[in-house]
């Protein structure tokens, strides 16, 4: 039961309520979402600041995807050729964890974006 509650937490986030939900929908496939991704979306008054920051970062990453230090092609080239049994850090994650997503383009894209987000935040 606790797991089902955990899975539904996303429905309670600010992007899934009010004007942001009307603008973006469930999967961000609306015309308004295109404005966000093109960098010219105006957030409604009273929008959650953390949500604004995340969406603006997503917009910046999408606009700069080809100029950021890491891209999907580089990720696949590196992780597709590593040995799975090598540990990457004290976290205990083995390279196999990273290799496993190589056959899932959406997951690769998401992971590469998170790497670039960390890079951008560390530069500021």
PDB file of N, CA and C in Angstrom:
ATOM      1  N   UNK A   1       0.812  -1.194   0.000  1.00  0.00           N
ATOM      2  CA  UNK A   1       0.000   0.000   0.000  1.00  0.00           C
ATOM      3  C   UNK A   1       0.864   1.270   0.000  1.00  0.00           C
ATOM      4  N   UNK A   2       1.907   1.256   0.830  1.00  0.00           N
ATOM      5  CA  UNK A   2       2.810   2.412   0.901  1.00  0.00           C
ATOM      6  C   UNK A   2       3.425   2.695  -0.469  1.00  0.00           C
ATOM      7  N   UNK A   3       3.749   1.636  -1.203  1.00  0.00           N
ATOM      8  CA  UNK A   3       4.334   1.786  -2.527  1.00  0.00           C
ATOM      9  C   UNK A   3       3.368   2.496  -3.474  1.00  0.00           C
ATOM     10  N   UNK A   4       2.077   2.170  -3.405  1.00  0.00           N
ATOM     11  CA  UNK A   4       1.086   2.819  -4.258  1.00  0.00           C
ATOM     12  C   UNK A   4       0.950   4.298  -3.913  1.00  0.00           C
ATOM     13  N   UNK A   5       1.051   4.618  -2.649  1.00  0.00           N
ATOM     14  CA  UNK A   5       1.019   6.026  -2.238  1.00  0.00           C
ATOM     15  C   UNK A   5       2.230   6.753  -2.812  1.00  0.00           C
ATOM     16  N   UNK A   6       3.390   6.115  -2.709  1.00  0.00           N
ATOM     17  CA  UNK A   6       4.620   6.702  -3.233  1.00  0.00           C
ATOM     18  C   UNK A   6       4.507   6.954  -4.737  1.00  0.00           C
ATOM     19  N   UNK A   7       3.917   6.000  -5.464  1.00  0.00           N
ATOM     20  CA  UNK A   7       3.773   6.152  -6.908  1.00  0.00           C
ATOM     21  C   UNK A   7       2.845   7.303  -7.287  1.00  0.00           C
ATOM     22  N   UNK A   8       1.912   7.629  -6.421  1.00  0.00           N
ATOM     23  CA  UNK A   8       0.945   8.676  -6.756  1.00  0.00           C
ATOM     24  C   UNK A   8       1.367  10.070  -6.309  1.00  0.00           C
ATOM     25  N   UNK A   9       2.524  10.211  -5.687  1.00  0.00           N
ATOM     26  CA  UNK A   9       2.958  11.520  -5.194  1.00  0.00           C
ATOM     27  C   UNK A   9       3.092  12.552  -6.306  1.00  0.00           C
ATOM     28  N   UNK A  10       3.458  12.124  -7.488  1.00  0.00           N
ATOM     29  CA  UNK A  10       3.604  13.052  -8.606  1.00  0.00           C
ATOM     30  C   UNK A  10       2.311  13.781  -8.951  1.00  0.00           C
ATOM     31  N   UNK A  11       1.205  13.158  -8.662  1.00  0.00           N
ATOM     32  CA  UNK A  11      -0.090  13.783  -8.955  1.00  0.00           C
ATOM     33  C   UNK A  11      -0.359  14.988  -8.054  1.00  0.00           C
ATOM     34  N   UNK A  12       0.391  15.083  -6.958  1.00  0.00           N
ATOM     35  CA  UNK A  12       0.198  16.183  -6.011  1.00  0.00           C
ATOM     36  C   UNK A  12       1.170  17.342  -6.243  1.00  0.00           C
ATOM     37  N   UNK A  13       2.034  17.214  -7.215  1.00  0.00           N
ATOM     38  CA  UNK A  13       3.021  18.265  -7.466  1.00  0.00           C
ATOM     39  C   UNK A  13       2.372  19.472  -8.129  1.00  0.00           C
ATOM     40  N   UNK A  14       3.004  20.647  -7.985  1.00  0.00           N
ATOM     41  CA  UNK A  14       2.415  21.869  -8.555  1.00  0.00           C
ATOM     42  C   UNK A  14       2.173  21.814 -10.062  1.00  0.00           C
ATOM     43  N   UNK A  15       3.003  21.098 -10.812  1.00  0.00           N
ATOM     44  CA  UNK A  15       2.808  21.053 -12.266  1.00  0.00           C
ATOM     45  C   UNK A  15       1.558  20.253 -12.637  1.00  0.00           C
ATOM     46  N   UNK A  16       1.065  19.448 -11.722  1.00  0.00           N
ATOM     47  CA  UNK A  16      -0.134  18.653 -11.981  1.00  0.00           C
ATOM     48  C   UNK A  16      -1.383  19.273 -11.378  1.00  0.00           C
ATOM     49  N   UNK A  17      -1.337  20.588 -11.150  1.00  0.00           N
ATOM     50  CA  UNK A  17      -2.477  21.281 -10.561  1.00  0.00           C
ATOM     51  C   UNK A  17      -2.629  22.655 -11.194  1.00  0.00           C
ATOM     52  N   UNK A  18      -3.801  23.186 -11.136  1.00  0.00           N
ATOM     53  CA  UNK A  18      -4.060  24.572 -11.521  1.00  0.00           C
ATOM     54  C   UNK A  18      -3.695  24.914 -12.960  1.00  0.00           C
ATOM     55  N   UNK A  19      -3.232  26.152 -13.145  1.00  0.00           N
ATOM     56  CA  UNK A  19      -2.937  26.665 -14.485  1.00  0.00           C
ATOM     57  C   UNK A  19      -1.785  25.927 -15.163  1.00  0.00           C
ATOM     58  N   UNK A  20      -0.786  25.511 -14.397  1.00  0.00           N
ATOM     59  CA  UNK A  20       0.319  24.773 -15.016  1.00  0.00           C
ATOM     60  C   UNK A  20      -0.184  23.468 -15.625  1.00  0.00           C
ATOM     61  N   UNK A  21      -1.064  22.783 -14.933  1.00  0.00           N
ATOM     62  CA  UNK A  21      -1.619  21.543 -15.477  1.00  0.00           C
ATOM     63  C   UNK A  21      -2.451  21.825 -16.720  1.00  0.00           C
ATOM     64  N   UNK A  22      -3.225  22.882 -16.694  1.00  0.00           N
ATOM     65  CA  UNK A  22      -4.014  23.242 -17.877  1.00  0.00           C
ATOM     66  C   UNK A  22      -3.103  23.579 -19.054  1.00  0.00           C
ATOM     67  N   UNK A  23      -1.993  24.257 -18.774  1.00  0.00           N
ATOM     68  CA  UNK A  23      -1.070  24.632 -19.847  1.00  0.00           C
ATOM     69  C   UNK A  23      -0.295  23.448 -20.419  1.00  0.00           C
ATOM     70  N   UNK A  24       0.165  22.550 -19.551  1.00  0.00           N
ATOM     71  CA  UNK A  24       1.073  21.485 -20.000  1.00  0.00           C
ATOM     72  C   UNK A  24       0.428  20.122 -20.155  1.00  0.00           C
ATOM     73  N   UNK A  25      -0.677  19.879 -19.481  1.00  0.00           N
ATOM     74  CA  UNK A  25      -1.302  18.568 -19.559  1.00  0.00           C
ATOM     75  C   UNK A  25      -0.500  17.533 -18.794  1.00  0.00           C
ATOM     76  N   UNK A  26      -0.868  16.293 -18.982  1.00  0.00           N
ATOM     77  CA  UNK A  26      -0.236  15.206 -18.242  1.00  0.00           C
ATOM     78  C   UNK A  26       1.165  14.896 -18.749  1.00  0.00           C
ATOM     79  N   UNK A  27       1.370  14.955 -20.053  1.00  0.00           N
ATOM     80  CA  UNK A  27       2.676  14.572 -20.605  1.00  0.00           C
ATOM     81  C   UNK A  27       3.370  15.708 -21.347  1.00  0.00           C
ATOM     82  N   UNK A  28       2.959  16.914 -21.080  1.00  0.00           N
ATOM     83  CA  UNK A  28       3.624  18.103 -21.630  1.00  0.00           C
ATOM     84  C   UNK A  28       3.676  18.075 -23.162  1.00  0.00           C
ATOM     85  N   UNK A  29       2.541  17.750 -23.775  1.00  0.00           N
ATOM     86  CA  UNK A  29       2.490  17.652 -25.233  1.00  0.00           C
ATOM     87  C   UNK A  29       1.557  18.703 -25.846  1.00  0.00           C
ATOM     88  N   UNK A  30       1.378  19.807 -25.161  1.00  0.00           N
ATOM     89  CA  UNK A  30       0.467  20.851 -25.630  1.00  0.00           C
ATOM     90  C   UNK A  30       1.228  21.913 -26.425  1.00  0.00           C
ATOM     91  N   UNK A  31       0.497  22.768 -27.098  1.00  0.00           N
ATOM     92  CA  UNK A  31       1.119  23.884 -27.819  1.00  0.00           C
ATOM     93  C   UNK A  31       1.844  24.811 -26.851  1.00  0.00           C
ATOM     94  N   UNK A  32       1.266  24.989 -25.672  1.00  0.00           N
ATOM     95  CA  UNK A  32       1.894  25.847 -24.661  1.00  0.00           C
ATOM     96  C   UNK A  32       3.249  25.263 -24.248  1.00  0.00           C
ATOM     97  N   UNK A  33       3.335  23.946 -24.165  1.00  0.00           N
ATOM     98  CA  UNK A  33       4.607  23.307 -23.814  1.00  0.00           C
ATOM     99  C   UNK A  33       5.690  23.664 -24.836  1.00  0.00           C
ATOM    100  N   UNK A  34       5.308  23.783 -26.083  1.00  0.00           N
ATOM    101  CA  UNK A  34       6.276  24.189 -27.112  1.00  0.00           C
ATOM    102  C   UNK A  34       6.845  25.574 -26.814  1.00  0.00           C
ATOM    103  N   UNK A  35       6.006  26.460 -26.276  1.00  0.00           N
ATOM    104  CA  UNK A  35       6.505  27.781 -25.886  1.00  0.00           C
ATOM    105  C   UNK A  35       7.568  27.656 -24.795  1.00  0.00           C
ATOM    106  N   UNK A  36       7.326  26.769 -23.832  1.00  0.00           N
ATOM    107  CA  UNK A  36       8.316  26.539 -22.777  1.00  0.00           C
ATOM    108  C   UNK A  36       9.615  26.042 -23.396  1.00  0.00           C
ATOM    109  N   UNK A  37       9.517  25.050 -24.261  1.00  0.00           N
ATOM    110  CA  UNK A  37      10.714  24.451 -24.845  1.00  0.00           C
ATOM    111  C   UNK A  37      11.437  25.389 -25.800  1.00  0.00           C
ATOM    112  N   UNK A  38      10.719  26.383 -26.311  1.00  0.00           N
ATOM    113  CA  UNK A  38      11.366  27.387 -27.164  1.00  0.00           C
ATOM    114  C   UNK A  38      11.875  28.575 -26.365  1.00  0.00           C
ATOM    115  N   UNK A  39      11.649  28.553 -25.052  1.00  0.00           N
ATOM    116  CA  UNK A  39      12.180  29.596 -24.183  1.00  0.00           C
ATOM    117  C   UNK A  39      11.329  30.850 -24.085  1.00  0.00           C
ATOM    118  N   UNK A  40      10.061  30.786 -24.493  1.00  0.00           N
ATOM    119  CA  UNK A  40       9.237  31.997 -24.437  1.00  0.00           C
ATOM    120  C   UNK A  40       7.888  31.773 -23.736  1.00  0.00           C
ATOM    121  N   UNK A  41       7.917  30.990 -22.668  1.00  0.00           N
ATOM    122  CA  UNK A  41       6.715  30.744 -21.870  1.00  0.00           C
ATOM    123  C   UNK A  41       6.707  31.690 -20.671  1.00  0.00           C
ATOM    124  N   UNK A  42       5.562  32.285 -20.384  1.00  0.00           N
ATOM    125  CA  UNK A  42       5.402  33.132 -19.209  1.00  0.00           C
ATOM    126  C   UNK A  42       4.613  32.356 -18.161  1.00  0.00           C
ATOM    127  N   UNK A  43       5.228  32.143 -17.007  1.00  0.00           N
ATOM    128  CA  UNK A  43       4.580  31.382 -15.941  1.00  0.00           C
ATOM    129  C   UNK A  43       3.454  32.194 -15.314  1.00  0.00           C
ATOM    130  N   UNK A  44       2.354  31.524 -14.966  1.00  0.00           N
ATOM    131  CA  UNK A  44       1.241  32.219 -14.312  1.00  0.00           C
ATOM    132  C   UNK A  44       1.669  32.766 -12.948  1.00  0.00           C
ATOM    133  N   UNK A  45       1.080  33.878 -12.529  1.00  0.00           N
ATOM    134  CA  UNK A  45       1.388  34.415 -11.203  1.00  0.00           C
ATOM    135  C   UNK A  45       1.098  33.372 -10.120  1.00  0.00           C
ATOM    136  N   UNK A  46       1.961  33.320  -9.122  1.00  0.00           N
ATOM    137  CA  UNK A  46       1.770  32.390  -8.012  1.00  0.00           C
ATOM    138  C   UNK A  46       2.286  30.990  -8.273  1.00  0.00           C
ATOM    139  N   UNK A  47       2.962  30.769  -9.413  1.00  0.00           N
ATOM    140  CA  UNK A  47       3.502  29.438  -9.702  1.00  0.00           C
ATOM    141  C   UNK A  47       4.610  29.102  -8.704  1.00  0.00           C
ATOM    142  N   UNK A  48       4.720  27.833  -8.377  1.00  0.00           N
ATOM    143  CA  UNK A  48       5.727  27.344  -7.439  1.00  0.00           C
ATOM    144  C   UNK A  48       7.133  27.626  -7.969  1.00  0.00           C
ATOM    145  N   UNK A  49       7.976  28.249  -7.148  1.00  0.00           N
ATOM    146  CA  UNK A  49       9.321  28.653  -7.585  1.00  0.00           C
ATOM    147  C   UNK A  49      10.196  27.461  -7.975  1.00  0.00           C
ATOM    148  N   UNK A  50      10.127  26.379  -7.215  1.00  0.00           N
ATOM    149  CA  UNK A  50      10.939  25.201  -7.540  1.00  0.00           C
ATOM    150  C   UNK A  50      10.509  24.603  -8.878  1.00  0.00           C
ATOM    151  N   UNK A  51       9.218  24.578  -9.133  1.00  0.00           N
ATOM    152  CA  UNK A  51       8.709  24.063 -10.404  1.00  0.00           C
ATOM    153  C   UNK A  51       9.148  24.952 -11.551  1.00  0.00           C
ATOM    154  N   UNK A  52       9.096  26.268 -11.350  1.00  0.00           N
ATOM    155  CA  UNK A  52       9.564  27.200 -12.376  1.00  0.00           C
ATOM    156  C   UNK A  52      11.027  26.944 -12.683  1.00  0.00           C
ATOM    157  N   UNK A  53      11.845  26.794 -11.643  1.00  0.00           N
ATOM    158  CA  UNK A  53      13.279  26.556 -11.844  1.00  0.00           C
ATOM    159  C   UNK A  53      13.535  25.282 -12.630  1.00  0.00           C
ATOM    160  N   UNK A  54      12.843  24.210 -12.261  1.00  0.00           N
ATOM    161  CA  UNK A  54      13.033  22.945 -12.974  1.00  0.00           C
ATOM    162  C   UNK A  54      12.606  23.045 -14.436  1.00  0.00           C
ATOM    163  N   UNK A  55      11.466  23.670 -14.685  1.00  0.00           N
ATOM    164  CA  UNK A  55      10.990  23.800 -16.060  1.00  0.00           C
ATOM    165  C   UNK A  55      11.878  24.720 -16.889  1.00  0.00           C
ATOM    166  N   UNK A  56      12.374  25.793 -16.278  1.00  0.00           N
ATOM    167  CA  UNK A  56      13.296  26.680 -16.997  1.00  0.00           C
ATOM    168  C   UNK A  56      14.595  25.949 -17.319  1.00  0.00           C
ATOM    169  N   UNK A  57      15.076  25.142 -16.388  1.00  0.00           N
ATOM    170  CA  UNK A  57      16.295  24.369 -16.634  1.00  0.00           C
ATOM    171  C   UNK A  57      16.078  23.382 -17.772  1.00  0.00           C
ATOM    172  N   UNK A  58      14.930  22.721 -17.766  1.00  0.00           N
ATOM    173  CA  UNK A  58      14.604  21.797 -18.857  1.00  0.00           C
ATOM    174  C   UNK A  58      14.587  22.534 -20.190  1.00  0.00           C
ATOM    175  N   UNK A  59      14.020  23.726 -20.194  1.00  0.00           N
ATOM    176  CA  UNK A  59      13.972  24.529 -21.411  1.00  0.00           C
ATOM    177  C   UNK A  59      15.379  24.889 -21.880  1.00  0.00           C
ATOM    178  N   UNK A  60      16.224  25.330 -20.949  1.00  0.00           N
ATOM    179  CA  UNK A  60      17.611  25.676 -21.299  1.00  0.00           C
ATOM    180  C   UNK A  60      18.369  24.466 -21.827  1.00  0.00           C
ATOM    181  N   UNK A  61      18.195  23.334 -21.149  1.00  0.00           N
ATOM    182  CA  UNK A  61      18.889  22.130 -21.598  1.00  0.00           C
ATOM    183  C   UNK A  61      18.449  21.717 -22.994  1.00  0.00           C
ATOM    184  N   UNK A  62      17.180  21.834 -23.239  1.00  0.00           N
ATOM    185  CA  UNK A  62      16.675  21.463 -24.563  1.00  0.00           C
ATOM    186  C   UNK A  62      17.214  22.394 -25.643  1.00  0.00           C
ATOM    187  N   UNK A  63      17.277  23.696 -25.340  1.00  0.00           N
ATOM    188  CA  UNK A  63      17.780  24.663 -26.310  1.00  0.00           C
ATOM    189  C   UNK A  63      19.281  24.500 -26.560  1.00  0.00           C
ATOM    190  N   UNK A  64      20.003  24.074 -25.527  1.00  0.00           N
ATOM    191  CA  UNK A  64      21.460  23.990 -25.614  1.00  0.00           C
ATOM    192  C   UNK A  64      21.975  22.572 -25.802  1.00  0.00           C
ATOM    193  N   UNK A  65      21.110  21.642 -26.077  1.00  0.00           N
ATOM    194  CA  UNK A  65      21.494  20.233 -26.096  1.00  0.00           C
ATOM    195  C   UNK A  65      22.737  19.954 -26.927  1.00  0.00           C
ATOM    196  N   UNK A  66      22.861  20.586 -28.062  1.00  0.00           N
ATOM    197  CA  UNK A  66      24.009  20.304 -28.926  1.00  0.00           C
ATOM    198  C   UNK A  66      25.292  20.980 -28.458  1.00  0.00           C
ATOM    199  N   UNK A  67      25.201  21.954 -27.552  1.00  0.00           N
ATOM    200  CA  UNK A  67      26.413  22.641 -27.107  1.00  0.00           C
ATOM    201  C   UNK A  67      26.857  22.220 -25.717  1.00  0.00           C
ATOM    202  N   UNK A  68      26.069  21.388 -25.038  1.00  0.00           N
ATOM    203  CA  UNK A  68      26.447  20.944 -23.705  1.00  0.00           C
ATOM    204  C   UNK A  68      27.565  19.914 -23.798  1.00  0.00           C
ATOM    205  N   UNK A  69      28.325  19.770 -22.719  1.00  0.00           N
ATOM    206  CA  UNK A  69      29.494  18.888 -22.751  1.00  0.00           C
ATOM    207  C   UNK A  69      29.185  17.424 -23.039  1.00  0.00           C
ATOM    208  N   UNK A  70      28.035  16.950 -22.631  1.00  0.00           N
ATOM    209  CA  UNK A  70      27.713  15.537 -22.816  1.00  0.00           C
ATOM    210  C   UNK A  70      26.446  15.407 -23.650  1.00  0.00           C
ATOM    211  N   UNK A  71      26.437  14.434 -24.535  1.00  0.00           N
ATOM    212  CA  UNK A  71      25.231  14.173 -25.311  1.00  0.00           C
ATOM    213  C   UNK A  71      24.970  12.673 -25.349  1.00  0.00           C
ATOM    214  N   UNK A  72      23.830  12.296 -25.859  1.00  0.00           N
ATOM    215  CA  UNK A  72      23.436  10.892 -25.857  1.00  0.00           C
ATOM    216  C   UNK A  72      24.436  10.003 -26.594  1.00  0.00           C
ATOM    217  N   UNK A  73      24.961  10.472 -27.702  1.00  0.00           N
ATOM    218  CA  UNK A  73      25.915   9.691 -28.494  1.00  0.00           C
ATOM    219  C   UNK A  73      27.162   9.371 -27.671  1.00  0.00           C
ATOM    220  N   UNK A  74      27.668  10.368 -26.934  1.00  0.00           N
ATOM    221  CA  UNK A  74      28.842  10.150 -26.102  1.00  0.00           C
ATOM    222  C   UNK A  74      28.548   9.168 -24.974  1.00  0.00           C
ATOM    223  N   UNK A  75      27.371   9.303 -24.373  1.00  0.00           N
ATOM    224  CA  UNK A  75      26.975   8.394 -23.296  1.00  0.00           C
ATOM    225  C   UNK A  75      26.972   6.955 -23.810  1.00  0.00           C
ATOM    226  N   UNK A  76      26.310   6.738 -24.943  1.00  0.00           N
ATOM    227  CA  UNK A  76      26.223   5.390 -25.500  1.00  0.00           C
ATOM    228  C   UNK A  76      27.595   4.851 -25.884  1.00  0.00           C
ATOM    229  N   UNK A  77      28.437   5.689 -26.460  1.00  0.00           N
ATOM    230  CA  UNK A  77      29.771   5.247 -26.870  1.00  0.00           C
ATOM    231  C   UNK A  77      30.584   4.787 -25.662  1.00  0.00           C
ATOM    232  N   UNK A  78      30.481   5.508 -24.563  1.00  0.00           N
ATOM    233  CA  UNK A  78      31.259   5.148 -23.375  1.00  0.00           C
ATOM    234  C   UNK A  78      30.678   3.931 -22.657  1.00  0.00           C
ATOM    235  N   UNK A  79      29.387   4.012 -22.295  1.00  0.00           N
ATOM    236  CA  UNK A  79      28.812   2.969 -21.446  1.00  0.00           C
ATOM    237  C   UNK A  79      28.580   1.660 -22.176  1.00  0.00           C
ATOM    238  N   UNK A  80      28.441   1.681 -23.467  1.00  0.00           N
ATOM    239  CA  UNK A  80      28.220   0.437 -24.216  1.00  0.00           C
ATOM    240  C   UNK A  80      29.457  -0.439 -24.253  1.00  0.00           C
ATOM    241  N   UNK A  81      30.615   0.132 -23.969  1.00  0.00           N
ATOM    242  CA  UNK A  81      31.857  -0.626 -24.088  1.00  0.00           C
ATOM    243  C   UNK A  81      32.538  -0.919 -22.752  1.00  0.00           C
ATOM    244  N   UNK A  82      31.954  -0.527 -21.634  1.00  0.00           N
ATOM    245  CA  UNK A  82      32.584  -0.751 -20.336  1.00  0.00           C
ATOM    246  C   UNK A  82      32.256  -2.133 -19.794  1.00  0.00           C
ATOM    247  N   UNK A  83      33.065  -2.583 -18.852  1.00  0.00           N
ATOM    248  CA  UNK A  83      32.824  -3.871 -18.196  1.00  0.00           C
ATOM    249  C   UNK A  83      31.769  -3.673 -17.110  1.00  0.00           C
ATOM    250  N   UNK A  84      30.774  -4.521 -17.104  1.00  0.00           N
ATOM    251  CA  UNK A  84      29.654  -4.362 -16.179  1.00  0.00           C
ATOM    252  C   UNK A  84      30.038  -4.544 -14.721  1.00  0.00           C
ATOM    253  N   UNK A  85      31.064  -5.304 -14.424  1.00  0.00           N
ATOM    254  CA  UNK A  85      31.382  -5.632 -13.037  1.00  0.00           C
ATOM    255  C   UNK A  85      32.229  -4.571 -12.334  1.00  0.00           C
ATOM    256  N   UNK A  86      32.562  -3.500 -13.006  1.00  0.00           N
ATOM    257  CA  UNK A  86      33.357  -2.439 -12.394  1.00  0.00           C
ATOM    258  C   UNK A  86      32.461  -1.527 -11.563  1.00  0.00           C
ATOM    259  N   UNK A  87      32.879  -1.247 -10.330  1.00  0.00           N
ATOM    260  CA  UNK A  87      32.106  -0.350  -9.474  1.00  0.00           C
ATOM    261  C   UNK A  87      32.481   1.087  -9.795  1.00  0.00           C
ATOM    262  N   UNK A  88      31.470   1.954  -9.857  1.00  0.00           N
ATOM    263  CA  UNK A  88      31.720   3.341 -10.255  1.00  0.00           C
ATOM    264  C   UNK A  88      31.967   4.274  -9.077  1.00  0.00           C
ATOM    265  N   UNK A  89      31.548   3.871  -7.884  1.00  0.00           N
ATOM    266  CA  UNK A  89      31.698   4.778  -6.744  1.00  0.00           C
ATOM    267  C   UNK A  89      31.382   4.046  -5.455  1.00  0.00           C
ATOM    268  N   UNK A  90      31.455   4.769  -4.361  1.00  0.00           N
ATOM    269  CA  UNK A  90      31.107   4.199  -3.066  1.00  0.00           C
ATOM    270  C   UNK A  90      29.623   3.867  -2.977  1.00  0.00           C
ATOM    271  N   UNK A  91      28.833   4.384  -3.926  1.00  0.00           N
ATOM    272  CA  UNK A  91      27.390   4.130  -3.896  1.00  0.00           C
ATOM    273  C   UNK A  91      27.077   2.658  -4.111  1.00  0.00           C
ATOM    274  N   UNK A  92      28.025   1.920  -4.686  1.00  0.00           N
ATOM    275  CA  UNK A  92      27.785   0.513  -4.953  1.00  0.00           C
ATOM    276  C   UNK A  92      27.158   0.252  -6.304  1.00  0.00           C
ATOM    277  N   UNK A  93      26.891   1.307  -7.069  1.00  0.00           N
ATOM    278  CA  UNK A  93      26.366   1.111  -8.420  1.00  0.00           C
ATOM    279  C   UNK A  93      27.488   0.592  -9.313  1.00  0.00           C
ATOM    280  N   UNK A  94      27.197  -0.458 -10.019  1.00  0.00           N
ATOM    281  CA  UNK A  94      28.172  -0.998 -10.953  1.00  0.00           C
ATOM    282  C   UNK A  94      27.872  -0.474 -12.341  1.00  0.00           C
ATOM    283  N   UNK A  95      28.853  -0.525 -13.203  1.00  0.00           N
ATOM    284  CA  UNK A  95      28.679  -0.012 -14.546  1.00  0.00           C
ATOM    285  C   UNK A  95      27.482  -0.661 -15.240  1.00  0.00           C
ATOM    286  N   UNK A  96      27.144  -1.876 -14.833  1.00  0.00           N
ATOM    287  CA  UNK A  96      25.993  -2.558 -15.416  1.00  0.00           C
ATOM    288  C   UNK A  96      24.706  -1.765 -15.256  1.00  0.00           C
ATOM    289  N   UNK A  97      24.608  -0.996 -14.154  1.00  0.00           N
ATOM    290  CA  UNK A  97      23.428  -0.161 -13.948  1.00  0.00           C
ATOM    291  C   UNK A  97      23.314   0.886 -15.052  1.00  0.00           C
ATOM    292  N   UNK A  98      24.447   1.459 -15.442  1.00  0.00           N
ATOM    293  CA  UNK A  98      24.457   2.484 -16.483  1.00  0.00           C
ATOM    294  C   UNK A  98      24.326   1.862 -17.872  1.00  0.00           C
ATOM    295  N   UNK A  99      24.932   0.698 -18.056  1.00  0.00           N
ATOM    296  CA  UNK A  99      24.829   0.010 -19.345  1.00  0.00           C
ATOM    297  C   UNK A  99      23.401  -0.434 -19.624  1.00  0.00           C
ATOM    298  N   UNK A 100      22.681  -0.786 -18.586  1.00  0.00           N
ATOM    299  CA  UNK A 100      21.331  -1.330 -18.750  1.00  0.00           C
ATOM    300  C   UNK A 100      20.394  -0.352 -19.447  1.00  0.00           C
ATOM    301  N   UNK A 101      20.617   0.936 -19.277  1.00  0.00           N
ATOM    302  CA  UNK A 101      19.708   1.893 -19.913  1.00  0.00           C
ATOM    303  C   UNK A 101      20.095   2.201 -21.350  1.00  0.00           C
ATOM    304  N   UNK A 102      21.225   1.704 -21.822  1.00  0.00           N
ATOM    305  CA  UNK A 102      21.691   2.019 -23.178  1.00  0.00           C
ATOM    306  C   UNK A 102      20.698   1.599 -24.258  1.00  0.00           C
ATOM    307  N   UNK A 103      19.881   0.612 -23.987  1.00  0.00           N
ATOM    308  CA  UNK A 103      18.902   0.179 -24.992  1.00  0.00           C
ATOM    309  C   UNK A 103      17.573   0.923 -24.866  1.00  0.00           C
ATOM    310  N   UNK A 104      17.535   1.935 -24.001  1.00  0.00           N
ATOM    311  CA  UNK A 104      16.324   2.733 -23.792  1.00  0.00           C
ATOM    312  C   UNK A 104      16.640   4.205 -24.054  1.00  0.00           C
ATOM    313  N   UNK A 105      16.452   4.694 -25.284  1.00  0.00           N
ATOM    314  CA  UNK A 105      16.823   6.072 -25.637  1.00  0.00           C
ATOM    315  C   UNK A 105      16.251   7.142 -24.710  1.00  0.00           C
ATOM    316  N   UNK A 106      15.022   6.973 -24.250  1.00  0.00           N
ATOM    317  CA  UNK A 106      14.432   7.972 -23.351  1.00  0.00           C
ATOM    318  C   UNK A 106      15.179   8.037 -22.032  1.00  0.00           C
ATOM    319  N   UNK A 107      15.583   6.883 -21.520  1.00  0.00           N
ATOM    320  CA  UNK A 107      16.324   6.855 -20.254  1.00  0.00           C
ATOM    321  C   UNK A 107      17.717   7.431 -20.424  1.00  0.00           C
ATOM    322  N   UNK A 108      18.349   7.140 -21.551  1.00  0.00           N
ATOM    323  CA  UNK A 108      19.663   7.735 -21.823  1.00  0.00           C
ATOM    324  C   UNK A 108      19.534   9.249 -21.849  1.00  0.00           C
ATOM    325  N   UNK A 109      18.535   9.744 -22.555  1.00  0.00           N
ATOM    326  CA  UNK A 109      18.328  11.186 -22.665  1.00  0.00           C
ATOM    327  C   UNK A 109      18.109  11.806 -21.284  1.00  0.00           C
ATOM    328  N   UNK A 110      17.297  11.171 -20.456  1.00  0.00           N
ATOM    329  CA  UNK A 110      17.027  11.669 -19.111  1.00  0.00           C
ATOM    330  C   UNK A 110      18.310  11.691 -18.278  1.00  0.00           C
ATOM    331  N   UNK A 111      19.092  10.634 -18.338  1.00  0.00           N
ATOM    332  CA  UNK A 111      20.321  10.567 -17.545  1.00  0.00           C
ATOM    333  C   UNK A 111      21.332  11.609 -18.016  1.00  0.00           C
ATOM    334  N   UNK A 112      21.466  11.773 -19.322  1.00  0.00           N
ATOM    335  CA  UNK A 112      22.388  12.784 -19.862  1.00  0.00           C
ATOM    336  C   UNK A 112      21.945  14.175 -19.428  1.00  0.00           C
ATOM    337  N   UNK A 113      20.656  14.436 -19.432  1.00  0.00           N
ATOM    338  CA  UNK A 113      20.160  15.740 -18.968  1.00  0.00           C
ATOM    339  C   UNK A 113      20.495  15.958 -17.507  1.00  0.00           C
ATOM    340  N   UNK A 114      20.391  14.912 -16.691  1.00  0.00           N
ATOM    341  CA  UNK A 114      20.709  15.079 -15.270  1.00  0.00           C
ATOM    342  C   UNK A 114      22.194  15.360 -15.076  1.00  0.00           C
ATOM    343  N   UNK A 115      23.047  14.755 -15.887  1.00  0.00           N
ATOM    344  CA  UNK A 115      24.482  15.042 -15.825  1.00  0.00           C
ATOM    345  C   UNK A 115      24.728  16.503 -16.183  1.00  0.00           C
ATOM    346  N   UNK A 116      24.102  16.959 -17.251  1.00  0.00           N
ATOM    347  CA  UNK A 116      24.292  18.338 -17.690  1.00  0.00           C
ATOM    348  C   UNK A 116      23.712  19.343 -16.691  1.00  0.00           C
ATOM    349  N   UNK A 117      22.613  18.970 -16.041  1.00  0.00           N
ATOM    350  CA  UNK A 117      22.045  19.839 -15.009  1.00  0.00           C
ATOM    351  C   UNK A 117      23.043  19.995 -13.862  1.00  0.00           C
ATOM    352  N   UNK A 118      23.661  18.907 -13.442  1.00  0.00           N
ATOM    353  CA  UNK A 118      24.655  18.973 -12.378  1.00  0.00           C
ATOM    354  C   UNK A 118      25.840  19.835 -12.797  1.00  0.00           C
ATOM    355  N   UNK A 119      26.266  19.708 -14.042  1.00  0.00           N
ATOM    356  CA  UNK A 119      27.377  20.528 -14.550  1.00  0.00           C
ATOM    357  C   UNK A 119      27.014  22.004 -14.540  1.00  0.00           C
ATOM    358  N   UNK A 120      25.818  22.304 -15.028  1.00  0.00           N
ATOM    359  CA  UNK A 120      25.387  23.710 -15.076  1.00  0.00           C
ATOM    360  C   UNK A 120      25.273  24.302 -13.687  1.00  0.00           C
ATOM    361  N   UNK A 121      24.740  23.538 -12.739  1.00  0.00           N
ATOM    362  CA  UNK A 121      24.570  24.042 -11.373  1.00  0.00           C
ATOM    363  C   UNK A 121      25.918  24.222 -10.681  1.00  0.00           C
ATOM    364  N   UNK A 122      26.880  23.381 -10.996  1.00  0.00           N
ATOM    365  CA  UNK A 122      28.194  23.510 -10.361  1.00  0.00           C
ATOM    366  C   UNK A 122      28.979  24.687 -10.923  1.00  0.00           C
ATOM    367  N   UNK A 123      28.637  25.121 -12.135  1.00  0.00           N
ATOM    368  CA  UNK A 123      29.321  26.262 -12.749  1.00  0.00           C
ATOM    369  C   UNK A 123      28.806  27.598 -12.235  1.00  0.00           C
ATOM    370  N   UNK A 124      27.608  27.608 -11.616  1.00  0.00           N
ATOM    371  CA  UNK A 124      27.034  28.881 -11.193  1.00  0.00           C
ATOM    372  C   UNK A 124      27.445  29.265  -9.802  1.00  0.00           C
TER     373      UNK A 124
END
